[in-house]
Structure formats: C-alpha cells, structure tokens
Amino acid sequence: MFVLELTYIAPIDRIDAAMAEHVAWLDAHYASGVFIASGRKVPRDGGIILALGDDRSKIEEITQSDPFTVAGVCDYTITEFIPTKTSEAMESYRQELPS
C-alpha cells in the first residue's frame, strides 16, 4: 500500500483551475481499484491518497499522469507501507510482514 502526499506548489486559483481534470483522474483510478481513499489536507495545502499496489514504479507513473502534476501545481511524496493492522472494514487490505 502507498500513501501519496500531494503538496501544492502554486496558488489555489491554479489548483482550482485543474480540479475538474484531477477529480476525473481520481475517479478513473478508483474505478480501476488502485485508489481506496483520498482527500484534502487541513489546512488546504495539498492532499492525501491511499493507493494499492506492489509496484512502486507503477504508482510513480500514476502520479506523473495526475493533471495537477502535468499542470505543475503539486509535488508528490510517495511512502510505501505494509498495513499489518487494520480496522474490520479494511481487513481485506491487511498484509503479513515478509519473512
């Protein structure tokens, strides 16, 4: 699993101008099963996406296709983690540590 942290590097008016395309991009990755949660950070200086996958390079490709990235209005930090403990609602995402 990956935590994708977006940090805005442009004024909010430029973020808002790319928002519709960004939301369509999010919707496509929800439909494909890669994204499982997302939302704005508080204060509004970026966002967070939880993404499923075991191939970091694929996740990096996905972030490079974000309309926010294409427009040059955000930077991404990608953190991979192993969700060894979850709520019951997220039990299907729970993983074992490698041996």
N, C-alpha and C. Protein backbone atom coordinates (compact mmCIF):
# COMPACT_ATOMS: atom_id res chain seq x y z
N MET A 1 0.86 -1.17 0.00
CA MET A 1 0.00 0.00 0.00
C MET A 1 0.90 1.23 0.00
N PHE A 2 0.37 2.31 -0.53
CA PHE A 2 1.14 3.55 -0.63
C PHE A 2 0.32 4.73 -0.11
N VAL A 3 1.00 5.64 0.54
CA VAL A 3 0.43 6.93 0.90
C VAL A 3 1.03 7.92 -0.09
N LEU A 4 0.17 8.57 -0.85
CA LEU A 4 0.60 9.58 -1.82
C LEU A 4 0.25 10.92 -1.22
N GLU A 5 1.25 11.71 -0.91
CA GLU A 5 1.01 13.03 -0.34
C GLU A 5 1.29 14.10 -1.38
N LEU A 6 0.26 14.86 -1.70
CA LEU A 6 0.39 15.98 -2.64
C LEU A 6 0.65 17.24 -1.83
N THR A 7 1.58 18.04 -2.30
CA THR A 7 1.84 19.35 -1.72
C THR A 7 1.71 20.37 -2.83
N TYR A 8 0.80 21.33 -2.63
CA TYR A 8 0.60 22.36 -3.64
C TYR A 8 1.83 23.27 -3.72
N ILE A 9 2.23 23.59 -4.94
CA ILE A 9 3.36 24.48 -5.17
C ILE A 9 2.95 25.68 -6.03
N ALA A 10 1.65 25.89 -6.11
CA ALA A 10 1.10 27.00 -6.90
C ALA A 10 -0.07 27.60 -6.12
N PRO A 11 -0.47 28.82 -6.47
CA PRO A 11 -1.62 29.44 -5.80
C PRO A 11 -2.90 28.62 -6.00
N ILE A 12 -3.80 28.74 -5.04
CA ILE A 12 -5.06 27.96 -5.05
C ILE A 12 -5.86 28.19 -6.32
N ASP A 13 -5.82 29.37 -6.92
CA ASP A 13 -6.59 29.58 -8.14
C ASP A 13 -6.10 28.66 -9.26
N ARG A 14 -4.80 28.37 -9.30
CA ARG A 14 -4.28 27.43 -10.30
C ARG A 14 -4.67 26.00 -9.95
N ILE A 15 -4.72 25.68 -8.67
CA ILE A 15 -5.19 24.36 -8.23
C ILE A 15 -6.63 24.18 -8.66
N ASP A 16 -7.46 25.16 -8.35
CA ASP A 16 -8.89 25.08 -8.68
C ASP A 16 -9.11 24.98 -10.19
N ALA A 17 -8.25 25.61 -10.97
CA ALA A 17 -8.40 25.55 -12.44
C ALA A 17 -8.18 24.14 -12.97
N ALA A 18 -7.38 23.34 -12.27
CA ALA A 18 -7.10 21.97 -12.71
C ALA A 18 -7.93 20.93 -11.96
N MET A 19 -8.80 21.38 -11.05
CA MET A 19 -9.52 20.46 -10.17
C MET A 19 -10.44 19.48 -10.91
N ALA A 20 -11.20 19.92 -11.88
CA ALA A 20 -12.13 19.01 -12.58
C ALA A 20 -11.37 17.86 -13.24
N GLU A 21 -10.25 18.17 -13.87
CA GLU A 21 -9.44 17.13 -14.51
C GLU A 21 -8.82 16.20 -13.46
N HIS A 22 -8.40 16.77 -12.34
CA HIS A 22 -7.83 15.97 -11.25
C HIS A 22 -8.88 15.00 -10.69
N VAL A 23 -10.10 15.49 -10.49
CA VAL A 23 -11.17 14.63 -9.97
C VAL A 23 -11.50 13.51 -10.95
N ALA A 24 -11.52 13.79 -12.24
CA ALA A 24 -11.75 12.75 -13.25
C ALA A 24 -10.63 11.71 -13.20
N TRP A 25 -9.40 12.16 -13.03
CA TRP A 25 -8.24 11.27 -12.89
C TRP A 25 -8.40 10.39 -11.65
N LEU A 26 -8.81 11.00 -10.51
CA LEU A 26 -9.07 10.22 -9.30
C LEU A 26 -10.13 9.16 -9.56
N ASP A 27 -11.24 9.57 -10.18
CA ASP A 27 -12.35 8.65 -10.46
C ASP A 27 -11.89 7.44 -11.27
N ALA A 28 -11.03 7.68 -12.25
CA ALA A 28 -10.53 6.57 -13.09
C ALA A 28 -9.71 5.59 -12.26
N HIS A 29 -8.93 6.09 -11.32
CA HIS A 29 -8.10 5.19 -10.50
C HIS A 29 -8.90 4.53 -9.39
N TYR A 30 -9.99 5.15 -8.94
CA TYR A 30 -10.92 4.45 -8.05
C TYR A 30 -11.59 3.31 -8.81
N ALA A 31 -12.02 3.58 -10.04
CA ALA A 31 -12.70 2.56 -10.85
C ALA A 31 -11.78 1.37 -11.13
N SER A 32 -10.48 1.63 -11.28
CA SER A 32 -9.53 0.54 -11.55
C SER A 32 -9.16 -0.23 -10.29
N GLY A 33 -9.56 0.28 -9.12
CA GLY A 33 -9.27 -0.40 -7.87
C GLY A 33 -7.94 -0.02 -7.23
N VAL A 34 -7.23 0.93 -7.80
CA VAL A 34 -5.93 1.33 -7.25
C VAL A 34 -6.10 2.28 -6.06
N PHE A 35 -7.00 3.24 -6.14
CA PHE A 35 -7.21 4.20 -5.05
C PHE A 35 -8.32 3.70 -4.15
N ILE A 36 -8.12 3.83 -2.82
CA ILE A 36 -9.15 3.41 -1.88
C ILE A 36 -9.63 4.54 -0.97
N ALA A 37 -8.89 5.64 -0.91
CA ALA A 37 -9.31 6.81 -0.12
C ALA A 37 -8.50 8.01 -0.57
N SER A 38 -9.09 9.20 -0.46
CA SER A 38 -8.37 10.43 -0.80
C SER A 38 -9.09 11.61 -0.19
N GLY A 39 -8.37 12.72 -0.09
CA GLY A 39 -8.99 13.94 0.41
C GLY A 39 -7.97 15.05 0.61
N ARG A 40 -8.49 16.24 0.87
CA ARG A 40 -7.67 17.43 1.11
C ARG A 40 -7.00 17.35 2.47
N LYS A 41 -5.82 17.93 2.54
CA LYS A 41 -5.19 18.13 3.84
C LYS A 41 -5.78 19.39 4.47
N VAL A 42 -5.70 19.46 5.78
CA VAL A 42 -6.15 20.63 6.53
C VAL A 42 -4.94 21.13 7.31
N PRO A 43 -4.48 22.35 7.03
CA PRO A 43 -5.02 23.33 6.11
C PRO A 43 -4.86 22.88 4.65
N ARG A 44 -5.55 23.57 3.76
CA ARG A 44 -5.60 23.18 2.35
C ARG A 44 -4.29 23.54 1.63
N ASP A 45 -3.30 22.69 1.84
CA ASP A 45 -2.02 22.88 1.15
C ASP A 45 -1.63 21.65 0.36
N GLY A 46 -2.60 20.76 0.13
CA GLY A 46 -2.34 19.55 -0.63
C GLY A 46 -3.40 18.51 -0.35
N GLY A 47 -3.05 17.24 -0.54
CA GLY A 47 -3.99 16.15 -0.33
C GLY A 47 -3.26 14.86 -0.03
N ILE A 48 -4.06 13.84 0.29
CA ILE A 48 -3.56 12.51 0.59
C ILE A 48 -4.38 11.50 -0.22
N ILE A 49 -3.70 10.51 -0.77
CA ILE A 49 -4.36 9.41 -1.47
C ILE A 49 -3.79 8.10 -0.91
N LEU A 50 -4.66 7.15 -0.59
CA LEU A 50 -4.22 5.80 -0.26
C LEU A 50 -4.37 4.95 -1.51
N ALA A 51 -3.27 4.31 -1.91
CA ALA A 51 -3.26 3.55 -3.17
C ALA A 51 -2.78 2.13 -2.91
N LEU A 52 -3.39 1.19 -3.61
CA LEU A 52 -3.00 -0.21 -3.52
C LEU A 52 -2.02 -0.54 -4.64
N GLY A 53 -1.07 -1.39 -4.33
CA GLY A 53 -0.13 -1.83 -5.35
C GLY A 53 1.11 -2.42 -4.73
N ASP A 54 1.84 -3.14 -5.54
CA ASP A 54 3.10 -3.71 -5.07
C ASP A 54 4.26 -3.30 -5.97
N ASP A 55 3.99 -2.38 -6.90
CA ASP A 55 5.00 -1.92 -7.85
C ASP A 55 5.14 -0.41 -7.74
N ARG A 56 6.18 0.03 -7.04
CA ARG A 56 6.37 1.46 -6.82
C ARG A 56 6.47 2.23 -8.14
N SER A 57 7.13 1.65 -9.14
CA SER A 57 7.28 2.36 -10.42
C SER A 57 5.92 2.61 -11.06
N LYS A 58 4.99 1.69 -10.91
CA LYS A 58 3.63 1.89 -11.45
C LYS A 58 2.93 3.04 -10.72
N ILE A 59 3.09 3.09 -9.41
CA ILE A 59 2.49 4.17 -8.62
C ILE A 59 3.12 5.50 -9.03
N GLU A 60 4.43 5.53 -9.25
CA GLU A 60 5.09 6.75 -9.71
C GLU A 60 4.55 7.19 -11.06
N GLU A 61 4.32 6.24 -11.97
CA GLU A 61 3.72 6.57 -13.28
C GLU A 61 2.34 7.20 -13.11
N ILE A 62 1.56 6.63 -12.19
CA ILE A 62 0.21 7.16 -11.95
C ILE A 62 0.30 8.61 -11.47
N THR A 63 1.20 8.89 -10.53
CA THR A 63 1.29 10.27 -10.02
C THR A 63 1.76 11.22 -11.10
N GLN A 64 2.60 10.76 -12.02
CA GLN A 64 3.07 11.62 -13.11
C GLN A 64 1.95 11.95 -14.09
N SER A 65 0.89 11.13 -14.13
CA SER A 65 -0.22 11.39 -15.03
C SER A 65 -1.31 12.27 -14.40
N ASP A 66 -1.18 12.59 -13.11
CA ASP A 66 -2.15 13.46 -12.45
C ASP A 66 -2.16 14.83 -13.15
N PRO A 67 -3.32 15.33 -13.52
CA PRO A 67 -3.38 16.66 -14.13
C PRO A 67 -2.74 17.76 -13.27
N PHE A 68 -2.74 17.60 -11.95
CA PHE A 68 -2.02 18.54 -11.10
C PHE A 68 -0.52 18.51 -11.39
N THR A 69 0.03 17.31 -11.57
CA THR A 69 1.46 17.19 -11.89
C THR A 69 1.73 17.77 -13.27
N VAL A 70 0.89 17.42 -14.24
CA VAL A 70 1.06 17.90 -15.62
C VAL A 70 1.01 19.42 -15.65
N ALA A 71 0.13 20.02 -14.85
CA ALA A 71 0.00 21.48 -14.80
C ALA A 71 1.10 22.13 -13.96
N GLY A 72 1.90 21.32 -13.28
CA GLY A 72 2.99 21.86 -12.47
C GLY A 72 2.53 22.56 -11.21
N VAL A 73 1.42 22.08 -10.61
CA VAL A 73 0.89 22.76 -9.43
C VAL A 73 1.06 21.97 -8.14
N CYS A 74 1.64 20.76 -8.22
CA CYS A 74 1.86 19.99 -6.99
C CYS A 74 3.09 19.11 -7.12
N ASP A 75 3.63 18.75 -5.97
CA ASP A 75 4.69 17.75 -5.87
C ASP A 75 4.12 16.57 -5.10
N TYR A 76 4.64 15.38 -5.36
CA TYR A 76 4.23 14.17 -4.66
C TYR A 76 5.35 13.64 -3.79
N THR A 77 4.99 13.14 -2.62
CA THR A 77 5.84 12.30 -1.80
C THR A 77 5.14 10.95 -1.73
N ILE A 78 5.85 9.88 -2.05
CA ILE A 78 5.27 8.54 -2.07
C ILE A 78 5.91 7.73 -0.95
N THR A 79 5.06 7.19 -0.06
CA THR A 79 5.52 6.37 1.04
C THR A 79 4.86 5.00 0.94
N GLU A 80 5.67 3.97 0.82
CA GLU A 80 5.14 2.60 0.81
C GLU A 80 5.11 2.08 2.24
N PHE A 81 4.04 1.36 2.58
CA PHE A 81 3.98 0.73 3.90
C PHE A 81 3.23 -0.59 3.81
N ILE A 82 3.39 -1.40 4.85
CA ILE A 82 2.73 -2.69 4.93
C ILE A 82 1.65 -2.58 6.01
N PRO A 83 0.37 -2.60 5.62
CA PRO A 83 -0.72 -2.46 6.60
C PRO A 83 -0.96 -3.77 7.36
N THR A 84 -0.19 -3.97 8.43
CA THR A 84 -0.29 -5.21 9.20
C THR A 84 -1.43 -5.18 10.22
N LYS A 85 -1.97 -4.01 10.49
CA LYS A 85 -3.09 -3.87 11.42
C LYS A 85 -4.10 -2.92 10.78
N THR A 86 -5.36 -3.31 10.77
CA THR A 86 -6.41 -2.51 10.16
C THR A 86 -7.70 -2.64 10.97
N SER A 87 -8.65 -1.77 10.67
CA SER A 87 -9.99 -1.93 11.21
C SER A 87 -10.65 -3.10 10.49
N GLU A 88 -11.77 -3.57 11.03
CA GLU A 88 -12.50 -4.66 10.35
C GLU A 88 -12.90 -4.25 8.95
N ALA A 89 -13.29 -2.99 8.76
CA ALA A 89 -13.73 -2.51 7.45
C ALA A 89 -12.62 -2.58 6.42
N MET A 90 -11.37 -2.55 6.87
CA MET A 90 -10.23 -2.57 5.94
C MET A 90 -9.46 -3.89 6.02
N GLU A 91 -10.08 -4.89 6.61
CA GLU A 91 -9.42 -6.18 6.80
C GLU A 91 -8.90 -6.79 5.51
N SER A 92 -9.58 -6.59 4.41
CA SER A 92 -9.15 -7.18 3.14
C SER A 92 -7.82 -6.60 2.65
N TYR A 93 -7.40 -5.46 3.22
CA TYR A 93 -6.14 -4.83 2.82
C TYR A 93 -4.98 -5.21 3.75
N ARG A 94 -5.26 -5.94 4.81
CA ARG A 94 -4.25 -6.32 5.79
C ARG A 94 -3.21 -7.25 5.14
N GLN A 95 -1.96 -7.05 5.51
CA GLN A 95 -0.86 -7.86 4.95
C GLN A 95 0.01 -8.43 6.06
N GLU A 96 0.73 -9.46 5.72
CA GLU A 96 1.72 -10.06 6.62
C GLU A 96 3.08 -9.48 6.28
N LEU A 97 3.91 -9.34 7.31
CA LEU A 97 5.29 -8.91 7.05
C LEU A 97 6.02 -10.02 6.31
N PRO A 98 6.92 -9.65 5.38
CA PRO A 98 7.68 -10.68 4.68
C PRO A 98 8.60 -11.41 5.66
N SER A 99 8.85 -12.66 5.36
CA SER A 99 9.72 -13.47 6.22
C SER A 99 11.17 -13.12 6.03
